[in-house]
Amino acid sequence: MLTINFSPFPNLKTGRLIIIKEDDKEIFFLRSDEGVNTYVDRARPISLEEAKNHIKKLNNGINSNELIF
């Protein structure tokens, strides 16, 4: 069986972009943007706290090796 371990998950970088877990304001913007959500079937967050909870959920899934996002 394949064993996958993404913990700790690295910061993702390109020549012009770095994504880190402190990007809660950016995640909130993207997940609440009407244009982005036109093509995604999900509820839009109404607060920054919801975006932070989403990040926590993803990090918990990554730390437990249950998902990668």
Protein backbone atom coordinates (compact mmCIF):
# COMPACT_ATOMS: atom_id res chain seq x y z
CA MET A 1 0.00 0.00 0.00
CA LEU A 2 1.22 3.48 -0.85
CA THR A 3 2.02 5.64 2.17
CA ILE A 4 1.64 9.35 1.65
CA ASN A 5 2.84 11.94 4.13
CA PHE A 6 2.17 15.62 3.47
CA SER A 7 2.91 16.76 6.98
CA PRO A 8 4.25 19.28 7.31
CA PHE A 9 2.85 20.57 4.04
CA PRO A 10 5.36 22.87 2.31
CA ASN A 11 4.74 26.44 1.22
CA LEU A 12 4.02 26.42 -2.50
CA LYS A 13 6.09 28.86 -4.55
CA THR A 14 6.56 29.92 -8.14
CA GLY A 15 8.54 32.83 -9.55
CA ARG A 16 5.61 35.18 -8.88
CA LEU A 17 3.51 33.46 -6.24
CA ILE A 18 3.74 31.99 -2.78
CA ILE A 19 0.76 30.44 -0.98
CA ILE A 20 0.93 30.13 2.78
CA LYS A 21 -1.61 29.17 5.43
CA GLU A 22 -1.85 32.75 6.67
CA ASP A 23 -3.70 33.69 3.47
CA ASP A 24 -7.11 33.72 5.19
CA LYS A 25 -8.16 37.08 3.70
CA GLU A 26 -7.27 35.90 0.20
CA ILE A 27 -9.08 32.58 0.71
CA PHE A 28 -12.14 34.47 1.94
CA PHE A 29 -12.04 36.73 -1.12
CA LEU A 30 -11.75 33.84 -3.55
CA ARG A 31 -14.35 31.64 -1.86
CA SER A 32 -16.84 34.51 -1.56
CA ASP A 33 -16.32 36.00 -5.04
CA GLU A 34 -19.45 35.62 -7.17
CA GLY A 35 -17.47 35.23 -10.40
CA VAL A 36 -15.32 32.42 -9.00
CA ASN A 37 -18.34 30.65 -7.54
CA THR A 38 -20.23 30.73 -10.81
CA TYR A 39 -18.57 27.42 -11.67
CA VAL A 40 -18.39 25.89 -8.18
CA ASP A 41 -21.28 24.38 -6.26
CA ARG A 42 -20.59 25.47 -2.68
CA ALA A 43 -21.90 27.89 -0.10
CA ARG A 44 -20.03 31.18 -0.01
CA PRO A 45 -18.52 32.17 3.33
CA ILE A 46 -20.02 35.24 4.96
CA SER A 47 -17.20 35.92 7.41
CA LEU A 48 -13.44 35.76 7.68
CA GLU A 49 -13.90 33.22 10.49
CA GLU A 50 -15.50 30.79 8.01
CA ALA A 51 -12.47 31.13 5.75
CA LYS A 52 -10.17 30.46 8.71
CA ASN A 53 -12.21 27.38 9.61
CA HIS A 54 -11.90 26.15 6.02
CA ILE A 55 -8.11 26.52 6.20
CA LYS A 56 -8.08 24.64 9.52
CA LYS A 57 -10.17 21.84 8.00
CA LEU A 58 -7.75 21.53 5.09
CA ASN A 59 -4.70 21.61 7.36
CA ASN A 60 -6.20 18.95 9.63
CA GLY A 61 -6.89 16.73 6.63
CA ILE A 62 -3.36 17.22 5.33
CA ASN A 63 -1.82 16.58 8.75
CA SER A 64 -3.78 13.35 9.12
CA ASN A 65 -2.89 12.32 5.53
CA GLU A 66 -6.58 12.14 4.63
CA LEU A 67 -6.48 14.72 1.86
CA ILE A 68 -4.42 17.08 -0.21
CA PHE A 69 -6.01 20.21 -1.57
